[in-house]
Each structure stands twice: as C-alpha cells, then as structure tokens.
Amino acid sequence: MPRTNKRANWALKYMENSDVTCSADIRFFRHRKNAHDAMMKDFKRQDAILHFPLSEDPFAENHRMVSYESIYIQAGIDTFYWEIVKIIPEDV
C-alpha cells in the first residue's frame, strides 16, 4: 500500500492588532490551495462585519494589500494580516 504524506506543508498565519485584541493564530495545511481558500474565507467573513477599507494605495491611512499568499489591512491604527508560508523543517 502506498504511503501518503500526512504532514503539513503550508502554514496560514493570522495576526491582529486592534482595539479588540492583539493576537496571533496559526493553522496548518497539506495543500497551498486549501490554505488560500481558508485565508479568503476568514478575510471575507471579517470584511462583512468590519467593512475593511477598499483603497490599495499603500500610502493611504486606510488600505488593503491582497495577493495569493497574503492579505494586509490597515484601518486607522488597527492592522489585520494573513500570510501563507511554506513549512521547511530545520532538521531535514
């Protein structure tokens, strides 16, 4: 029987520094697409509640930067950041 890779290959990091909380969370995924889908789902859920800024101008006080592997939101002094990173063990 073939062996399957059950180890995580990707991590989805979430960091928030807002009036509500200063926190971080990390989740692990075997596939990059699954990490991306989870990131977009979390972002859309929070955007529906908080109405994140639409500007993509990095010099604007309130802006967003969205790519396939990260989302950064600056809303006044509040920041929200998702990032997908490849897991590379140090002891390989």
PDB file of N, CA and C in Angstrom:
ATOM      1  N   MET A   1       0.849  -1.176   0.000  1.00  0.00           N
ATOM      2  CA  MET A   1       0.000   0.000   0.000  1.00  0.00           C
ATOM      3  C   MET A   1       0.899   1.246   0.000  1.00  0.00           C
ATOM      4  N   PRO A   2       0.636   2.220  -0.888  1.00  0.00           N
ATOM      5  CA  PRO A   2       1.466   3.425  -0.930  1.00  0.00           C
ATOM      6  C   PRO A   2       1.284   4.270   0.324  1.00  0.00           C
ATOM      7  N   ARG A   3       2.375   4.881   0.735  1.00  0.00           N
ATOM      8  CA  ARG A   3       2.326   5.779   1.897  1.00  0.00           C
ATOM      9  C   ARG A   3       1.841   7.155   1.447  1.00  0.00           C
ATOM     10  N   THR A   4       1.080   7.801   2.292  1.00  0.00           N
ATOM     11  CA  THR A   4       0.605   9.149   1.981  1.00  0.00           C
ATOM     12  C   THR A   4       1.279  10.134   2.915  1.00  0.00           C
ATOM     13  N   ASN A   5       1.486  11.330   2.425  1.00  0.00           N
ATOM     14  CA  ASN A   5       2.107  12.385   3.225  1.00  0.00           C
ATOM     15  C   ASN A   5       1.024  13.056   4.062  1.00  0.00           C
ATOM     16  N   LYS A   6       1.026  12.819   5.351  1.00  0.00           N
ATOM     17  CA  LYS A   6       0.019  13.417   6.224  1.00  0.00           C
ATOM     18  C   LYS A   6       0.576  14.624   6.977  1.00  0.00           C
ATOM     19  N   ARG A   7       1.779  15.031   6.631  1.00  0.00           N
ATOM     20  CA  ARG A   7       2.381  16.180   7.287  1.00  0.00           C
ATOM     21  C   ARG A   7       1.891  17.477   6.643  1.00  0.00           C
ATOM     22  N   ALA A   8       1.879  18.493   7.439  1.00  0.00           N
ATOM     23  CA  ALA A   8       1.523  19.811   6.907  1.00  0.00           C
ATOM     24  C   ALA A   8       2.684  20.333   6.063  1.00  0.00           C
ATOM     25  N   ASN A   9       2.356  20.968   4.957  1.00  0.00           N
ATOM     26  CA  ASN A   9       3.356  21.577   4.082  1.00  0.00           C
ATOM     27  C   ASN A   9       3.250  23.100   4.066  1.00  0.00           C
ATOM     28  N   TRP A  10       2.109  23.626   4.522  1.00  0.00           N
ATOM     29  CA  TRP A  10       1.849  25.064   4.475  1.00  0.00           C
ATOM     30  C   TRP A  10       1.255  25.521   5.799  1.00  0.00           C
ATOM     31  N   ALA A  11       1.570  26.745   6.183  1.00  0.00           N
ATOM     32  CA  ALA A  11       1.002  27.337   7.396  1.00  0.00           C
ATOM     33  C   ALA A  11       0.279  28.619   7.013  1.00  0.00           C
ATOM     34  N   LEU A  12      -0.867  28.835   7.623  1.00  0.00           N
ATOM     35  CA  LEU A  12      -1.619  30.085   7.463  1.00  0.00           C
ATOM     36  C   LEU A  12      -1.521  30.833   8.784  1.00  0.00           C
ATOM     37  N   LYS A  13      -0.807  31.962   8.760  1.00  0.00           N
ATOM     38  CA  LYS A  13      -0.648  32.792   9.959  1.00  0.00           C
ATOM     39  C   LYS A  13      -1.666  33.923   9.910  1.00  0.00           C
ATOM     40  N   TYR A  14      -2.228  34.240  11.060  1.00  0.00           N
ATOM     41  CA  TYR A  14      -3.131  35.386  11.173  1.00  0.00           C
ATOM     42  C   TYR A  14      -2.693  36.204  12.381  1.00  0.00           C
ATOM     43  N   MET A  15      -2.517  37.490  12.169  1.00  0.00           N
ATOM     44  CA  MET A  15      -2.140  38.395  13.250  1.00  0.00           C
ATOM     45  C   MET A  15      -3.077  39.599  13.239  1.00  0.00           C
ATOM     46  N   GLU A  16      -3.549  39.968  14.407  1.00  0.00           N
ATOM     47  CA  GLU A  16      -4.436  41.124  14.544  1.00  0.00           C
ATOM     48  C   GLU A  16      -3.934  42.002  15.679  1.00  0.00           C
ATOM     49  N   ASN A  17      -3.866  43.299  15.408  1.00  0.00           N
ATOM     50  CA  ASN A  17      -3.547  44.290  16.429  1.00  0.00           C
ATOM     51  C   ASN A  17      -4.614  45.373  16.303  1.00  0.00           C
ATOM     52  N   SER A  18      -5.645  45.267  17.149  1.00  0.00           N
ATOM     53  CA  SER A  18      -6.780  46.187  17.046  1.00  0.00           C
ATOM     54  C   SER A  18      -7.239  46.590  18.440  1.00  0.00           C
ATOM     55  N   ASP A  19      -8.263  47.429  18.457  1.00  0.00           N
ATOM     56  CA  ASP A  19      -8.848  47.821  19.740  1.00  0.00           C
ATOM     57  C   ASP A  19      -9.471  46.625  20.458  1.00  0.00           C
ATOM     58  N   VAL A  20      -9.821  45.605  19.708  1.00  0.00           N
ATOM     59  CA  VAL A  20     -10.483  44.428  20.274  1.00  0.00           C
ATOM     60  C   VAL A  20      -9.469  43.440  20.842  1.00  0.00           C
ATOM     61  N   THR A  21      -8.379  43.203  20.104  1.00  0.00           N
ATOM     62  CA  THR A  21      -7.413  42.195  20.535  1.00  0.00           C
ATOM     63  C   THR A  21      -6.054  42.421  19.894  1.00  0.00           C
ATOM     64  N   CYS A  22      -5.055  41.873  20.525  1.00  0.00           N
ATOM     65  CA  CYS A  22      -3.716  41.767  19.951  1.00  0.00           C
ATOM     66  C   CYS A  22      -3.395  40.282  20.007  1.00  0.00           C
ATOM     67  N   SER A  23      -3.530  39.599  18.859  1.00  0.00           N
ATOM     68  CA  SER A  23      -3.434  38.139  18.888  1.00  0.00           C
ATOM     69  C   SER A  23      -2.801  37.603  17.616  1.00  0.00           C
ATOM     70  N   ALA A  24      -2.430  36.341  17.694  1.00  0.00           N
ATOM     71  CA  ALA A  24      -1.893  35.629  16.539  1.00  0.00           C
ATOM     72  C   ALA A  24      -2.430  34.211  16.560  1.00  0.00           C
ATOM     73  N   ASP A  25      -2.567  33.642  15.364  1.00  0.00           N
ATOM     74  CA  ASP A  25      -3.077  32.288  15.228  1.00  0.00           C
ATOM     75  C   ASP A  25      -2.350  31.651  14.049  1.00  0.00           C
ATOM     76  N   ILE A  26      -2.132  30.359  14.129  1.00  0.00           N
ATOM     77  CA  ILE A  26      -1.510  29.657  13.012  1.00  0.00           C
ATOM     78  C   ILE A  26      -2.251  28.339  12.790  1.00  0.00           C
ATOM     79  N   ARG A  27      -2.515  28.057  11.519  1.00  0.00           N
ATOM     80  CA  ARG A  27      -3.195  26.824  11.124  1.00  0.00           C
ATOM     81  C   ARG A  27      -2.339  26.142  10.065  1.00  0.00           C
ATOM     82  N   PHE A  28      -2.408  24.811  10.009  1.00  0.00           N
ATOM     83  CA  PHE A  28      -1.558  24.047   9.115  1.00  0.00           C
ATOM     84  C   PHE A  28      -2.372  23.303   8.065  1.00  0.00           C
ATOM     85  N   PHE A  29      -1.807  23.242   6.841  1.00  0.00           N
ATOM     86  CA  PHE A  29      -2.488  22.625   5.709  1.00  0.00           C
ATOM     87  C   PHE A  29      -1.497  21.794   4.898  1.00  0.00           C
ATOM     88  N   ARG A  30      -1.994  20.738   4.294  1.00  0.00           N
ATOM     89  CA  ARG A  30      -1.159  19.927   3.407  1.00  0.00           C
ATOM     90  C   ARG A  30      -1.020  20.558   2.032  1.00  0.00           C
ATOM     91  N   HIS A  31      -2.035  21.340   1.610  1.00  0.00           N
ATOM     92  CA  HIS A  31      -2.033  21.905   0.265  1.00  0.00           C
ATOM     93  C   HIS A  31      -2.146  23.428   0.320  1.00  0.00           C
ATOM     94  N   ARG A  32      -1.363  24.076  -0.529  1.00  0.00           N
ATOM     95  CA  ARG A  32      -1.350  25.548  -0.590  1.00  0.00           C
ATOM     96  C   ARG A  32      -2.734  26.104  -0.918  1.00  0.00           C
ATOM     97  N   LYS A  33      -3.445  25.472  -1.850  1.00  0.00           N
ATOM     98  CA  LYS A  33      -4.771  25.959  -2.237  1.00  0.00           C
ATOM     99  C   LYS A  33      -5.731  25.935  -1.056  1.00  0.00           C
ATOM    100  N   ASN A  34      -5.666  24.909  -0.225  1.00  0.00           N
ATOM    101  CA  ASN A  34      -6.537  24.845   0.954  1.00  0.00           C
ATOM    102  C   ASN A  34      -6.221  25.970   1.935  1.00  0.00           C
ATOM    103  N   ALA A  35      -4.946  26.287   2.085  1.00  0.00           N
ATOM    104  CA  ALA A  35      -4.557  27.415   2.951  1.00  0.00           C
ATOM    105  C   ALA A  35      -5.096  28.724   2.370  1.00  0.00           C
ATOM    106  N   HIS A  36      -4.986  28.883   1.049  1.00  0.00           N
ATOM    107  CA  HIS A  36      -5.505  30.093   0.391  1.00  0.00           C
ATOM    108  C   HIS A  36      -7.024  30.198   0.549  1.00  0.00           C
ATOM    109  N   ASP A  37      -7.720  29.091   0.332  1.00  0.00           N
ATOM    110  CA  ASP A  37      -9.183  29.101   0.476  1.00  0.00           C
ATOM    111  C   ASP A  37      -9.593  29.472   1.900  1.00  0.00           C
ATOM    112  N   ALA A  38      -8.888  28.936   2.900  1.00  0.00           N
ATOM    113  CA  ALA A  38      -9.193  29.264   4.299  1.00  0.00           C
ATOM    114  C   ALA A  38      -8.913  30.736   4.584  1.00  0.00           C
ATOM    115  N   MET A  39      -7.818  31.265   4.032  1.00  0.00           N
ATOM    116  CA  MET A  39      -7.482  32.678   4.221  1.00  0.00           C
ATOM    117  C   MET A  39      -8.583  33.568   3.630  1.00  0.00           C
ATOM    118  N   MET A  40      -9.018  33.259   2.416  1.00  0.00           N
ATOM    119  CA  MET A  40     -10.049  34.076   1.769  1.00  0.00           C
ATOM    120  C   MET A  40     -11.377  33.980   2.518  1.00  0.00           C
ATOM    121  N   LYS A  41     -11.718  32.804   3.002  1.00  0.00           N
ATOM    122  CA  LYS A  41     -12.957  32.638   3.768  1.00  0.00           C
ATOM    123  C   LYS A  41     -12.918  33.473   5.040  1.00  0.00           C
ATOM    124  N   ASP A  42     -11.796  33.417   5.774  1.00  0.00           N
ATOM    125  CA  ASP A  42     -11.658  34.206   7.001  1.00  0.00           C
ATOM    126  C   ASP A  42     -11.715  35.703   6.700  1.00  0.00           C
ATOM    127  N   PHE A  43     -11.000  36.121   5.640  1.00  0.00           N
ATOM    128  CA  PHE A  43     -10.986  37.534   5.255  1.00  0.00           C
ATOM    129  C   PHE A  43     -12.395  38.021   4.899  1.00  0.00           C
ATOM    130  N   LYS A  44     -13.106  37.268   4.084  1.00  0.00           N
ATOM    131  CA  LYS A  44     -14.450  37.685   3.666  1.00  0.00           C
ATOM    132  C   LYS A  44     -15.412  37.748   4.846  1.00  0.00           C
ATOM    133  N   ARG A  45     -15.266  36.795   5.774  1.00  0.00           N
ATOM    134  CA  ARG A  45     -16.134  36.799   6.963  1.00  0.00           C
ATOM    135  C   ARG A  45     -15.884  38.052   7.806  1.00  0.00           C
ATOM    136  N   GLN A  46     -14.619  38.391   8.022  1.00  0.00           N
ATOM    137  CA  GLN A  46     -14.319  39.583   8.810  1.00  0.00           C
ATOM    138  C   GLN A  46     -14.643  40.867   8.057  1.00  0.00           C
ATOM    139  N   ASP A  47     -14.419  40.877   6.752  1.00  0.00           N
ATOM    140  CA  ASP A  47     -14.728  42.058   5.946  1.00  0.00           C
ATOM    141  C   ASP A  47     -16.226  42.365   5.981  1.00  0.00           C
ATOM    142  N   ALA A  48     -17.065  41.347   5.982  1.00  0.00           N
ATOM    143  CA  ALA A  48     -18.517  41.548   6.036  1.00  0.00           C
ATOM    144  C   ALA A  48     -18.936  42.217   7.345  1.00  0.00           C
ATOM    145  N   ILE A  49     -18.188  41.977   8.393  1.00  0.00           N
ATOM    146  CA  ILE A  49     -18.505  42.555   9.708  1.00  0.00           C
ATOM    147  C   ILE A  49     -17.850  43.922   9.883  1.00  0.00           C
ATOM    148  N   LEU A  50     -16.560  44.022   9.537  1.00  0.00           N
ATOM    149  CA  LEU A  50     -15.776  45.230   9.841  1.00  0.00           C
ATOM    150  C   LEU A  50     -15.704  46.225   8.695  1.00  0.00           C
ATOM    151  N   HIS A  51     -16.074  45.814   7.477  1.00  0.00           N
ATOM    152  CA  HIS A  51     -16.035  46.694   6.308  1.00  0.00           C
ATOM    153  C   HIS A  51     -14.647  47.311   6.134  1.00  0.00           C
ATOM    154  N   PHE A  52     -13.682  46.451   5.807  1.00  0.00           N
ATOM    155  CA  PHE A  52     -12.304  46.888   5.625  1.00  0.00           C
ATOM    156  C   PHE A  52     -12.206  47.932   4.513  1.00  0.00           C
ATOM    157  N   PRO A  53     -11.186  48.799   4.571  1.00  0.00           N
ATOM    158  CA  PRO A  53     -11.017  49.815   3.534  1.00  0.00           C
ATOM    159  C   PRO A  53     -10.777  49.181   2.164  1.00  0.00           C
ATOM    160  N   LEU A  54     -11.199  49.895   1.121  1.00  0.00           N
ATOM    161  CA  LEU A  54     -11.075  49.389  -0.241  1.00  0.00           C
ATOM    162  C   LEU A  54      -9.815  49.876  -0.948  1.00  0.00           C
ATOM    163  N   SER A  55      -9.205  50.968  -0.466  1.00  0.00           N
ATOM    164  CA  SER A  55      -8.051  51.550  -1.128  1.00  0.00           C
ATOM    165  C   SER A  55      -6.884  50.567  -1.150  1.00  0.00           C
ATOM    166  N   GLU A  56      -6.202  50.492  -2.295  1.00  0.00           N
ATOM    167  CA  GLU A  56      -5.000  49.674  -2.407  1.00  0.00           C
ATOM    168  C   GLU A  56      -3.750  50.543  -2.434  1.00  0.00           C
ATOM    169  N   ASP A  57      -3.897  51.832  -2.134  1.00  0.00           N
ATOM    170  CA  ASP A  57      -2.769  52.755  -2.073  1.00  0.00           C
ATOM    171  C   ASP A  57      -2.016  52.526  -0.765  1.00  0.00           C
ATOM    172  N   PRO A  58      -0.783  52.002  -0.807  1.00  0.00           N
ATOM    173  CA  PRO A  58      -0.065  51.686   0.430  1.00  0.00           C
ATOM    174  C   PRO A  58       0.270  52.912   1.286  1.00  0.00           C
ATOM    175  N   PHE A  59       0.139  54.105   0.709  1.00  0.00           N
ATOM    176  CA  PHE A  59       0.421  55.323   1.466  1.00  0.00           C
ATOM    177  C   PHE A  59      -0.823  55.914   2.122  1.00  0.00           C
ATOM    178  N   ALA A  60      -1.982  55.359   1.803  1.00  0.00           N
ATOM    179  CA  ALA A  60      -3.227  55.827   2.416  1.00  0.00           C
ATOM    180  C   ALA A  60      -3.288  55.340   3.862  1.00  0.00           C
ATOM    181  N   GLU A  61      -3.922  56.118   4.714  1.00  0.00           N
ATOM    182  CA  GLU A  61      -4.035  55.729   6.124  1.00  0.00           C
ATOM    183  C   GLU A  61      -4.816  54.420   6.261  1.00  0.00           C
ATOM    184  N   ASN A  62      -5.847  54.259   5.465  1.00  0.00           N
ATOM    185  CA  ASN A  62      -6.670  53.049   5.476  1.00  0.00           C
ATOM    186  C   ASN A  62      -6.535  52.367   4.120  1.00  0.00           C
ATOM    187  N   HIS A  63      -5.978  51.164   4.109  1.00  0.00           N
ATOM    188  CA  HIS A  63      -5.775  50.479   2.833  1.00  0.00           C
ATOM    189  C   HIS A  63      -5.705  48.970   3.029  1.00  0.00           C
ATOM    190  N   ARG A  64      -5.730  48.273   1.896  1.00  0.00           N
ATOM    191  CA  ARG A  64      -5.574  46.819   1.878  1.00  0.00           C
ATOM    192  C   ARG A  64      -4.571  46.441   0.799  1.00  0.00           C
ATOM    193  N   MET A  65      -3.854  45.372   1.031  1.00  0.00           N
ATOM    194  CA  MET A  65      -2.962  44.782   0.039  1.00  0.00           C
ATOM    195  C   MET A  65      -3.284  43.292   0.004  1.00  0.00           C
ATOM    196  N   VAL A  66      -3.687  42.803  -1.159  1.00  0.00           N
ATOM    197  CA  VAL A  66      -4.128  41.422  -1.292  1.00  0.00           C
ATOM    198  C   VAL A  66      -3.318  40.724  -2.376  1.00  0.00           C
ATOM    199  N   SER A  67      -2.769  39.562  -2.047  1.00  0.00           N
ATOM    200  CA  SER A  67      -2.105  38.711  -3.031  1.00  0.00           C
ATOM    201  C   SER A  67      -2.561  37.273  -2.778  1.00  0.00           C
ATOM    202  N   TYR A  68      -2.065  36.348  -3.570  1.00  0.00           N
ATOM    203  CA  TYR A  68      -2.489  34.954  -3.398  1.00  0.00           C
ATOM    204  C   TYR A  68      -2.056  34.408  -2.040  1.00  0.00           C
ATOM    205  N   GLU A  69      -0.915  34.878  -1.534  1.00  0.00           N
ATOM    206  CA  GLU A  69      -0.369  34.318  -0.293  1.00  0.00           C
ATOM    207  C   GLU A  69      -0.431  35.256   0.902  1.00  0.00           C
ATOM    208  N   SER A  70      -1.015  36.435   0.761  1.00  0.00           N
ATOM    209  CA  SER A  70      -1.114  37.314   1.928  1.00  0.00           C
ATOM    210  C   SER A  70      -2.203  38.371   1.748  1.00  0.00           C
ATOM    211  N   ILE A  71      -2.700  38.828   2.881  1.00  0.00           N
ATOM    212  CA  ILE A  71      -3.640  39.948   2.917  1.00  0.00           C
ATOM    213  C   ILE A  71      -3.225  40.823   4.085  1.00  0.00           C
ATOM    214  N   TYR A  72      -3.058  42.118   3.815  1.00  0.00           N
ATOM    215  CA  TYR A  72      -2.710  43.071   4.860  1.00  0.00           C
ATOM    216  C   TYR A  72      -3.755  44.179   4.858  1.00  0.00           C
ATOM    217  N   ILE A  73      -4.319  44.465   6.026  1.00  0.00           N
ATOM    218  CA  ILE A  73      -5.320  45.522   6.166  1.00  0.00           C
ATOM    219  C   ILE A  73      -4.813  46.534   7.191  1.00  0.00           C
ATOM    220  N   GLN A  74      -4.831  47.806   6.823  1.00  0.00           N
ATOM    221  CA  GLN A  74      -4.536  48.903   7.749  1.00  0.00           C
ATOM    222  C   GLN A  74      -5.805  49.740   7.829  1.00  0.00           C
ATOM    223  N   ALA A  75      -6.415  49.776   9.002  1.00  0.00           N
ATOM    224  CA  ALA A  75      -7.644  50.542   9.220  1.00  0.00           C
ATOM    225  C   ALA A  75      -7.400  51.458  10.414  1.00  0.00           C
ATOM    226  N   GLY A  76      -6.902  52.662  10.114  1.00  0.00           N
ATOM    227  CA  GLY A  76      -6.501  53.551  11.207  1.00  0.00           C
ATOM    228  C   GLY A  76      -5.302  52.943  11.920  1.00  0.00           C
ATOM    229  N   ILE A  77      -5.415  52.752  13.232  1.00  0.00           N
ATOM    230  CA  ILE A  77      -4.313  52.125  13.973  1.00  0.00           C
ATOM    231  C   ILE A  77      -4.467  50.607  14.067  1.00  0.00           C
ATOM    232  N   ASP A  78      -5.550  50.061  13.546  1.00  0.00           N
ATOM    233  CA  ASP A  78      -5.789  48.618  13.586  1.00  0.00           C
ATOM    234  C   ASP A  78      -5.157  47.947  12.366  1.00  0.00           C
ATOM    235  N   THR A  79      -4.531  46.788  12.591  1.00  0.00           N
ATOM    236  CA  THR A  79      -3.961  46.023  11.491  1.00  0.00           C
ATOM    237  C   THR A  79      -4.425  44.570  11.571  1.00  0.00           C
ATOM    238  N   PHE A  80      -4.606  43.985  10.389  1.00  0.00           N
ATOM    239  CA  PHE A  80      -5.028  42.597  10.249  1.00  0.00           C
ATOM    240  C   PHE A  80      -4.147  41.994   9.160  1.00  0.00           C
ATOM    241  N   TYR A  81      -3.555  40.837   9.427  1.00  0.00           N
ATOM    242  CA  TYR A  81      -2.585  40.288   8.478  1.00  0.00           C
ATOM    243  C   TYR A  81      -2.688  38.768   8.410  1.00  0.00           C
ATOM    244  N   TRP A  82      -2.918  38.262   7.207  1.00  0.00           N
ATOM    245  CA  TRP A  82      -2.894  36.831   6.928  1.00  0.00           C
ATOM    246  C   TRP A  82      -1.696  36.570   6.030  1.00  0.00           C
ATOM    247  N   GLU A  83      -1.019  35.451   6.256  1.00  0.00           N
ATOM    248  CA  GLU A  83       0.112  35.094   5.400  1.00  0.00           C
ATOM    249  C   GLU A  83       0.224  33.576   5.307  1.00  0.00           C
ATOM    250  N   ILE A  84       0.401  33.082   4.082  1.00  0.00           N
ATOM    251  CA  ILE A  84       0.622  31.661   3.837  1.00  0.00           C
ATOM    252  C   ILE A  84       2.121  31.463   3.644  1.00  0.00           C
ATOM    253  N   VAL A  85       2.697  30.531   4.408  1.00  0.00           N
ATOM    254  CA  VAL A  85       4.132  30.277   4.299  1.00  0.00           C
ATOM    255  C   VAL A  85       4.373  28.781   4.127  1.00  0.00           C
ATOM    256  N   LYS A  86       5.383  28.452   3.347  1.00  0.00           N
ATOM    257  CA  LYS A  86       5.778  27.052   3.160  1.00  0.00           C
ATOM    258  C   LYS A  86       6.528  26.599   4.405  1.00  0.00           C
ATOM    259  N   ILE A  87       6.196  25.413   4.872  1.00  0.00           N
ATOM    260  CA  ILE A  87       6.860  24.861   6.040  1.00  0.00           C
ATOM    261  C   ILE A  87       8.119  24.135   5.579  1.00  0.00           C
ATOM    262  N   ILE A  88       9.261  24.563   6.085  1.00  0.00           N
ATOM    263  CA  ILE A  88      10.535  23.934   5.774  1.00  0.00           C
ATOM    264  C   ILE A  88      11.199  23.577   7.100  1.00  0.00           C
ATOM    265  N   PRO A  89      11.195  22.296   7.456  1.00  0.00           N
ATOM    266  CA  PRO A  89      11.798  21.894   8.728  1.00  0.00           C
ATOM    267  C   PRO A  89      13.288  22.237   8.775  1.00  0.00           C
ATOM    268  N   GLU A  90      13.760  22.638   9.928  1.00  0.00           N
ATOM    269  CA  GLU A  90      15.181  22.978  10.097  1.00  0.00           C
ATOM    270  C   GLU A  90      16.041  21.735  10.230  1.00  0.00           C
ATOM    271  N   ASP A  91      15.453  20.613  10.603  1.00  0.00           N
ATOM    272  CA  ASP A  91      16.234  19.414  10.899  1.00  0.00           C
ATOM    273  C   ASP A  91      16.183  18.367   9.781  1.00  0.00           C
ATOM    274  N   VAL A  92      15.996  18.833   8.554  1.00  0.00           N
ATOM    275  CA  VAL A  92      15.944  17.888   7.431  1.00  0.00           C
ATOM    276  C   VAL A  92      17.354  17.532   7.010  1.00  0.00           C
TER     277      VAL A  92
END
